[in-house]
Amino acid sequence: QVQLMESGGGLAQAGGSLRLSCTASGRTYNLYTMGWFRQAPGKEREFVASIWWGGGMTNYADSVKDRFTISRDIPKTTVYLQMGNLKPEDTALYHCNANGPTASWGQGTQVTVSS
């Protein structure tokens, strides 16, 4: 089992930036991917971005692919989400995800973007 701890959420103005961090602990030797999902009130959970732990290949939702960048620090077992040109529709609770033999989820960090 992998434990995840997110940080970096907060309040930003439209056009601003935030950087989210997620650190994994526990059985990290079998990590396949890590990534981010988000959920706004009244909406279903939405995929944001993911990165393959070994090779570094990335995937993005169309809504963020030109604005967000996901990266990882292997020695720190940490994944980052650099969010730029934020929009009000980016407002959501962002959850970190790790996939190995099973899936793990963080508790979430709130991102709020004002216009």
N, C-alpha and C. Protein backbone atom coordinates (compact mmCIF):
# COMPACT_ATOMS: atom_id res chain seq x y z
N GLN A 1 0.84 -1.19 0.00
CA GLN A 1 0.00 0.00 0.00
C GLN A 1 0.88 1.24 0.00
N VAL A 2 0.42 2.27 -0.73
CA VAL A 2 1.12 3.54 -0.84
C VAL A 2 0.29 4.60 -0.14
N GLN A 3 0.95 5.44 0.63
CA GLN A 3 0.31 6.58 1.27
C GLN A 3 0.73 7.85 0.54
N LEU A 4 -0.21 8.77 0.34
CA LEU A 4 0.01 9.98 -0.43
C LEU A 4 -0.33 11.21 0.40
N MET A 5 0.50 12.24 0.28
CA MET A 5 0.27 13.50 0.97
C MET A 5 0.41 14.64 -0.03
N GLU A 6 -0.67 15.40 -0.22
CA GLU A 6 -0.67 16.52 -1.15
C GLU A 6 -0.44 17.83 -0.41
N SER A 7 0.06 18.82 -1.15
CA SER A 7 0.21 20.17 -0.63
C SER A 7 0.25 21.13 -1.81
N GLY A 8 0.12 22.42 -1.52
CA GLY A 8 0.28 23.44 -2.52
C GLY A 8 -0.99 24.10 -3.00
N GLY A 9 -2.14 23.60 -2.60
CA GLY A 9 -3.38 24.23 -2.99
C GLY A 9 -3.57 25.58 -2.33
N GLY A 10 -4.51 26.33 -2.84
CA GLY A 10 -4.78 27.64 -2.28
C GLY A 10 -5.64 28.46 -3.21
N LEU A 11 -5.57 29.76 -3.01
CA LEU A 11 -6.36 30.72 -3.78
C LEU A 11 -5.46 31.43 -4.78
N ALA A 12 -5.91 31.52 -6.01
CA ALA A 12 -5.18 32.22 -7.05
C ALA A 12 -6.14 33.04 -7.89
N GLN A 13 -5.63 34.07 -8.50
CA GLN A 13 -6.40 34.86 -9.45
C GLN A 13 -6.35 34.22 -10.82
N ALA A 14 -7.37 34.48 -11.63
CA ALA A 14 -7.35 34.03 -13.01
C ALA A 14 -6.08 34.53 -13.69
N GLY A 15 -5.42 33.63 -14.41
CA GLY A 15 -4.16 33.95 -15.04
C GLY A 15 -2.95 33.69 -14.17
N GLY A 16 -3.16 33.38 -12.91
CA GLY A 16 -2.07 33.10 -12.00
C GLY A 16 -1.60 31.67 -12.07
N SER A 17 -0.79 31.28 -11.09
CA SER A 17 -0.22 29.95 -11.09
C SER A 17 -0.16 29.38 -9.68
N LEU A 18 -0.15 28.06 -9.60
CA LEU A 18 0.04 27.31 -8.37
C LEU A 18 0.83 26.05 -8.70
N ARG A 19 1.52 25.54 -7.70
CA ARG A 19 2.26 24.29 -7.86
C ARG A 19 1.83 23.31 -6.78
N LEU A 20 1.26 22.19 -7.20
CA LEU A 20 0.85 21.14 -6.29
C LEU A 20 1.95 20.10 -6.16
N SER A 21 2.08 19.54 -4.97
CA SER A 21 3.05 18.48 -4.72
C SER A 21 2.34 17.29 -4.10
N CYS A 22 2.83 16.11 -4.41
CA CYS A 22 2.31 14.88 -3.82
C CYS A 22 3.47 13.95 -3.55
N THR A 23 3.66 13.60 -2.29
CA THR A 23 4.75 12.72 -1.89
C THR A 23 4.19 11.37 -1.50
N ALA A 24 4.77 10.32 -2.05
CA ALA A 24 4.35 8.96 -1.79
C ALA A 24 5.29 8.30 -0.78
N SER A 25 4.71 7.49 0.08
CA SER A 25 5.49 6.70 1.03
C SER A 25 4.89 5.31 1.10
N GLY A 26 5.61 4.41 1.72
CA GLY A 26 5.16 3.03 1.80
C GLY A 26 5.78 2.18 0.71
N ARG A 27 4.96 1.38 0.06
CA ARG A 27 5.43 0.44 -0.96
C ARG A 27 5.58 1.12 -2.31
N THR A 28 6.53 2.03 -2.41
CA THR A 28 6.70 2.80 -3.63
C THR A 28 7.52 2.09 -4.70
N TYR A 29 8.07 0.94 -4.40
CA TYR A 29 8.92 0.25 -5.36
C TYR A 29 8.14 -0.36 -6.52
N ASN A 30 6.84 -0.46 -6.42
CA ASN A 30 6.01 -1.02 -7.49
C ASN A 30 5.14 0.04 -8.15
N LEU A 31 5.53 1.31 -8.09
CA LEU A 31 4.76 2.36 -8.74
C LEU A 31 4.80 2.23 -10.25
N TYR A 32 3.64 2.33 -10.89
CA TYR A 32 3.54 2.38 -12.34
C TYR A 32 3.33 3.81 -12.82
N THR A 33 2.33 4.47 -12.27
CA THR A 33 2.02 5.84 -12.62
C THR A 33 1.63 6.62 -11.38
N MET A 34 1.76 7.94 -11.46
CA MET A 34 1.18 8.85 -10.50
C MET A 34 0.50 9.97 -11.27
N GLY A 35 -0.49 10.58 -10.66
CA GLY A 35 -1.19 11.63 -11.37
C GLY A 35 -2.15 12.39 -10.48
N TRP A 36 -2.97 13.19 -11.14
CA TRP A 36 -3.90 14.08 -10.47
C TRP A 36 -5.28 13.97 -11.07
N PHE A 37 -6.28 13.94 -10.19
CA PHE A 37 -7.68 14.07 -10.56
C PHE A 37 -8.26 15.25 -9.79
N ARG A 38 -9.38 15.75 -10.25
CA ARG A 38 -10.03 16.84 -9.55
C ARG A 38 -11.53 16.65 -9.58
N GLN A 39 -12.20 17.24 -8.59
CA GLN A 39 -13.64 17.15 -8.49
C GLN A 39 -14.20 18.46 -7.97
N ALA A 40 -15.07 19.06 -8.76
CA ALA A 40 -15.77 20.27 -8.38
C ALA A 40 -17.13 19.90 -7.80
N PRO A 41 -17.71 20.76 -6.97
CA PRO A 41 -19.02 20.46 -6.39
C PRO A 41 -20.06 20.16 -7.46
N GLY A 42 -20.79 19.07 -7.28
CA GLY A 42 -21.83 18.70 -8.21
C GLY A 42 -21.36 18.04 -9.48
N LYS A 43 -20.07 17.79 -9.61
CA LYS A 43 -19.52 17.17 -10.81
C LYS A 43 -18.79 15.89 -10.47
N GLU A 44 -18.62 15.05 -11.48
CA GLU A 44 -17.88 13.82 -11.30
C GLU A 44 -16.38 14.09 -11.25
N ARG A 45 -15.66 13.16 -10.67
CA ARG A 45 -14.21 13.26 -10.65
C ARG A 45 -13.66 13.26 -12.07
N GLU A 46 -12.70 14.14 -12.33
CA GLU A 46 -12.16 14.36 -13.66
C GLU A 46 -10.66 14.12 -13.68
N PHE A 47 -10.19 13.39 -14.67
CA PHE A 47 -8.77 13.20 -14.86
C PHE A 47 -8.10 14.50 -15.26
N VAL A 48 -6.93 14.78 -14.70
CA VAL A 48 -6.18 16.00 -15.01
C VAL A 48 -4.88 15.67 -15.73
N ALA A 49 -4.02 14.88 -15.10
CA ALA A 49 -2.71 14.58 -15.68
C ALA A 49 -2.13 13.36 -14.99
N SER A 50 -1.25 12.67 -15.69
CA SER A 50 -0.56 11.52 -15.12
C SER A 50 0.83 11.40 -15.72
N ILE A 51 1.69 10.68 -15.03
CA ILE A 51 3.05 10.46 -15.50
C ILE A 51 3.46 9.03 -15.18
N TRP A 52 4.09 8.37 -16.13
CA TRP A 52 4.61 7.03 -15.92
C TRP A 52 5.90 7.12 -15.14
N TRP A 53 5.94 6.39 -14.02
CA TRP A 53 7.02 6.58 -13.07
C TRP A 53 8.39 6.25 -13.65
N GLY A 54 8.48 5.17 -14.39
CA GLY A 54 9.77 4.75 -14.90
C GLY A 54 10.25 5.57 -16.09
N GLY A 55 9.40 5.73 -17.10
CA GLY A 55 9.82 6.37 -18.33
C GLY A 55 9.52 7.85 -18.43
N GLY A 56 8.58 8.36 -17.62
CA GLY A 56 8.28 9.78 -17.61
C GLY A 56 7.28 10.24 -18.65
N MET A 57 6.68 9.33 -19.41
CA MET A 57 5.67 9.74 -20.37
C MET A 57 4.47 10.34 -19.64
N THR A 58 3.92 11.40 -20.21
CA THR A 58 2.85 12.15 -19.57
C THR A 58 1.58 12.11 -20.38
N ASN A 59 0.46 12.30 -19.70
CA ASN A 59 -0.85 12.43 -20.31
C ASN A 59 -1.58 13.58 -19.64
N TYR A 60 -2.38 14.31 -20.42
CA TYR A 60 -3.12 15.46 -19.92
C TYR A 60 -4.54 15.46 -20.43
N ALA A 61 -5.45 15.96 -19.61
CA ALA A 61 -6.77 16.27 -20.10
C ALA A 61 -6.68 17.43 -21.09
N ASP A 62 -7.56 17.42 -22.09
CA ASP A 62 -7.54 18.47 -23.09
C ASP A 62 -7.69 19.86 -22.48
N SER A 63 -8.44 19.95 -21.40
CA SER A 63 -8.72 21.24 -20.79
C SER A 63 -7.51 21.88 -20.12
N VAL A 64 -6.45 21.09 -19.87
CA VAL A 64 -5.30 21.63 -19.14
C VAL A 64 -3.99 21.45 -19.88
N LYS A 65 -3.96 20.76 -21.01
CA LYS A 65 -2.70 20.31 -21.60
C LYS A 65 -1.79 21.44 -22.04
N ASP A 66 -2.32 22.60 -22.34
CA ASP A 66 -1.51 23.74 -22.75
C ASP A 66 -1.12 24.64 -21.58
N ARG A 67 -1.58 24.30 -20.38
CA ARG A 67 -1.37 25.18 -19.24
C ARG A 67 -0.71 24.50 -18.05
N PHE A 68 -0.89 23.19 -17.90
CA PHE A 68 -0.37 22.46 -16.74
C PHE A 68 0.79 21.58 -17.17
N THR A 69 1.72 21.34 -16.25
CA THR A 69 2.84 20.45 -16.49
C THR A 69 3.02 19.53 -15.29
N ILE A 70 3.04 18.23 -15.55
CA ILE A 70 3.28 17.26 -14.50
C ILE A 70 4.72 16.77 -14.59
N SER A 71 5.35 16.57 -13.45
CA SER A 71 6.73 16.09 -13.40
C SER A 71 6.92 15.26 -12.15
N ARG A 72 8.05 14.57 -12.07
CA ARG A 72 8.30 13.77 -10.88
C ARG A 72 9.75 13.84 -10.48
N ASP A 73 9.98 13.63 -9.19
CA ASP A 73 11.31 13.54 -8.61
C ASP A 73 11.42 12.14 -8.03
N ILE A 74 12.12 11.27 -8.72
CA ILE A 74 12.14 9.86 -8.34
C ILE A 74 12.76 9.64 -6.96
N PRO A 75 13.94 10.23 -6.65
CA PRO A 75 14.49 10.00 -5.31
C PRO A 75 13.57 10.46 -4.19
N LYS A 76 12.79 11.51 -4.41
CA LYS A 76 11.87 12.02 -3.40
C LYS A 76 10.50 11.36 -3.46
N THR A 77 10.28 10.47 -4.43
CA THR A 77 8.97 9.86 -4.68
C THR A 77 7.87 10.91 -4.63
N THR A 78 8.08 11.98 -5.37
CA THR A 78 7.18 13.11 -5.37
C THR A 78 6.79 13.47 -6.80
N VAL A 79 5.52 13.77 -6.99
CA VAL A 79 5.03 14.25 -8.27
C VAL A 79 4.52 15.67 -8.09
N TYR A 80 4.71 16.49 -9.10
CA TYR A 80 4.32 17.89 -9.06
C TYR A 80 3.34 18.18 -10.18
N LEU A 81 2.49 19.15 -9.95
CA LEU A 81 1.62 19.68 -10.98
C LEU A 81 1.78 21.19 -11.00
N GLN A 82 2.50 21.69 -11.99
CA GLN A 82 2.67 23.12 -12.16
C GLN A 82 1.51 23.64 -12.98
N MET A 83 0.70 24.49 -12.39
CA MET A 83 -0.51 25.00 -13.02
C MET A 83 -0.32 26.47 -13.35
N GLY A 84 -0.42 26.80 -14.62
CA GLY A 84 -0.29 28.17 -15.07
C GLY A 84 -1.53 28.63 -15.81
N ASN A 85 -1.64 29.94 -15.97
CA ASN A 85 -2.81 30.54 -16.64
C ASN A 85 -4.10 29.95 -16.09
N LEU A 86 -4.23 29.98 -14.79
CA LEU A 86 -5.39 29.37 -14.14
C LEU A 86 -6.68 30.06 -14.54
N LYS A 87 -7.74 29.27 -14.61
CA LYS A 87 -9.07 29.74 -14.95
C LYS A 87 -10.03 29.41 -13.82
N PRO A 88 -11.12 30.16 -13.70
CA PRO A 88 -12.10 29.83 -12.65
C PRO A 88 -12.60 28.39 -12.73
N GLU A 89 -12.70 27.83 -13.93
CA GLU A 89 -13.16 26.46 -14.07
C GLU A 89 -12.16 25.43 -13.57
N ASP A 90 -10.95 25.85 -13.22
CA ASP A 90 -9.99 24.95 -12.58
C ASP A 90 -10.27 24.76 -11.10
N THR A 91 -11.19 25.52 -10.55
CA THR A 91 -11.53 25.41 -9.14
C THR A 91 -12.07 24.02 -8.84
N ALA A 92 -11.44 23.32 -7.90
CA ALA A 92 -11.83 21.96 -7.56
C ALA A 92 -10.97 21.47 -6.41
N LEU A 93 -11.35 20.33 -5.87
CA LEU A 93 -10.52 19.60 -4.94
C LEU A 93 -9.65 18.65 -5.75
N TYR A 94 -8.34 18.82 -5.66
CA TYR A 94 -7.40 18.04 -6.44
C TYR A 94 -6.87 16.88 -5.61
N HIS A 95 -7.00 15.66 -6.15
CA HIS A 95 -6.56 14.45 -5.48
C HIS A 95 -5.37 13.86 -6.22
N CYS A 96 -4.35 13.50 -5.47
CA CYS A 96 -3.23 12.76 -6.01
C CYS A 96 -3.57 11.28 -6.09
N ASN A 97 -3.07 10.63 -7.12
CA ASN A 97 -3.32 9.21 -7.36
C ASN A 97 -2.02 8.51 -7.65
N ALA A 98 -1.87 7.31 -7.14
CA ALA A 98 -0.74 6.46 -7.44
C ALA A 98 -1.24 5.08 -7.81
N ASN A 99 -0.71 4.54 -8.89
CA ASN A 99 -1.10 3.21 -9.36
C ASN A 99 0.07 2.26 -9.30
N GLY A 100 -0.14 1.16 -8.66
CA GLY A 100 0.77 0.04 -8.63
C GLY A 100 -0.06 -1.21 -8.79
N PRO A 101 0.19 -2.25 -7.98
CA PRO A 101 -0.75 -3.37 -7.98
C PRO A 101 -2.17 -2.93 -7.63
N THR A 102 -2.30 -1.91 -6.77
CA THR A 102 -3.58 -1.31 -6.45
C THR A 102 -3.46 0.20 -6.54
N ALA A 103 -4.60 0.89 -6.48
CA ALA A 103 -4.63 2.34 -6.56
C ALA A 103 -4.66 2.96 -5.17
N SER A 104 -3.96 4.07 -5.02
CA SER A 104 -3.95 4.84 -3.78
C SER A 104 -4.36 6.27 -4.07
N TRP A 105 -4.98 6.90 -3.10
CA TRP A 105 -5.48 8.26 -3.25
C TRP A 105 -5.11 9.11 -2.05
N GLY A 106 -4.75 10.36 -2.30
CA GLY A 106 -4.55 11.31 -1.23
C GLY A 106 -5.86 11.91 -0.77
N GLN A 107 -5.80 12.69 0.29
CA GLN A 107 -7.00 13.30 0.85
C GLN A 107 -7.49 14.49 0.06
N GLY A 108 -6.63 15.11 -0.72
CA GLY A 108 -7.02 16.22 -1.57
C GLY A 108 -6.51 17.55 -1.06
N THR A 109 -6.29 18.46 -2.00
CA THR A 109 -5.93 19.83 -1.69
C THR A 109 -6.79 20.75 -2.55
N GLN A 110 -7.34 21.77 -1.93
CA GLN A 110 -8.31 22.64 -2.60
C GLN A 110 -7.60 23.70 -3.42
N VAL A 111 -8.05 23.87 -4.65
CA VAL A 111 -7.60 24.94 -5.53
C VAL A 111 -8.81 25.81 -5.87
N THR A 112 -8.70 27.09 -5.60
CA THR A 112 -9.77 28.03 -5.89
C THR A 112 -9.21 29.17 -6.74
N VAL A 113 -9.85 29.42 -7.86
CA VAL A 113 -9.40 30.45 -8.80
C VAL A 113 -10.50 31.49 -8.93
N SER A 114 -10.17 32.72 -8.65
CA SER A 114 -11.12 33.82 -8.74
C SER A 114 -10.89 34.61 -10.02
N SER A 115 -11.95 35.20 -10.54
CA SER A 115 -11.87 35.98 -11.76
C SER A 115 -11.68 37.45 -11.45
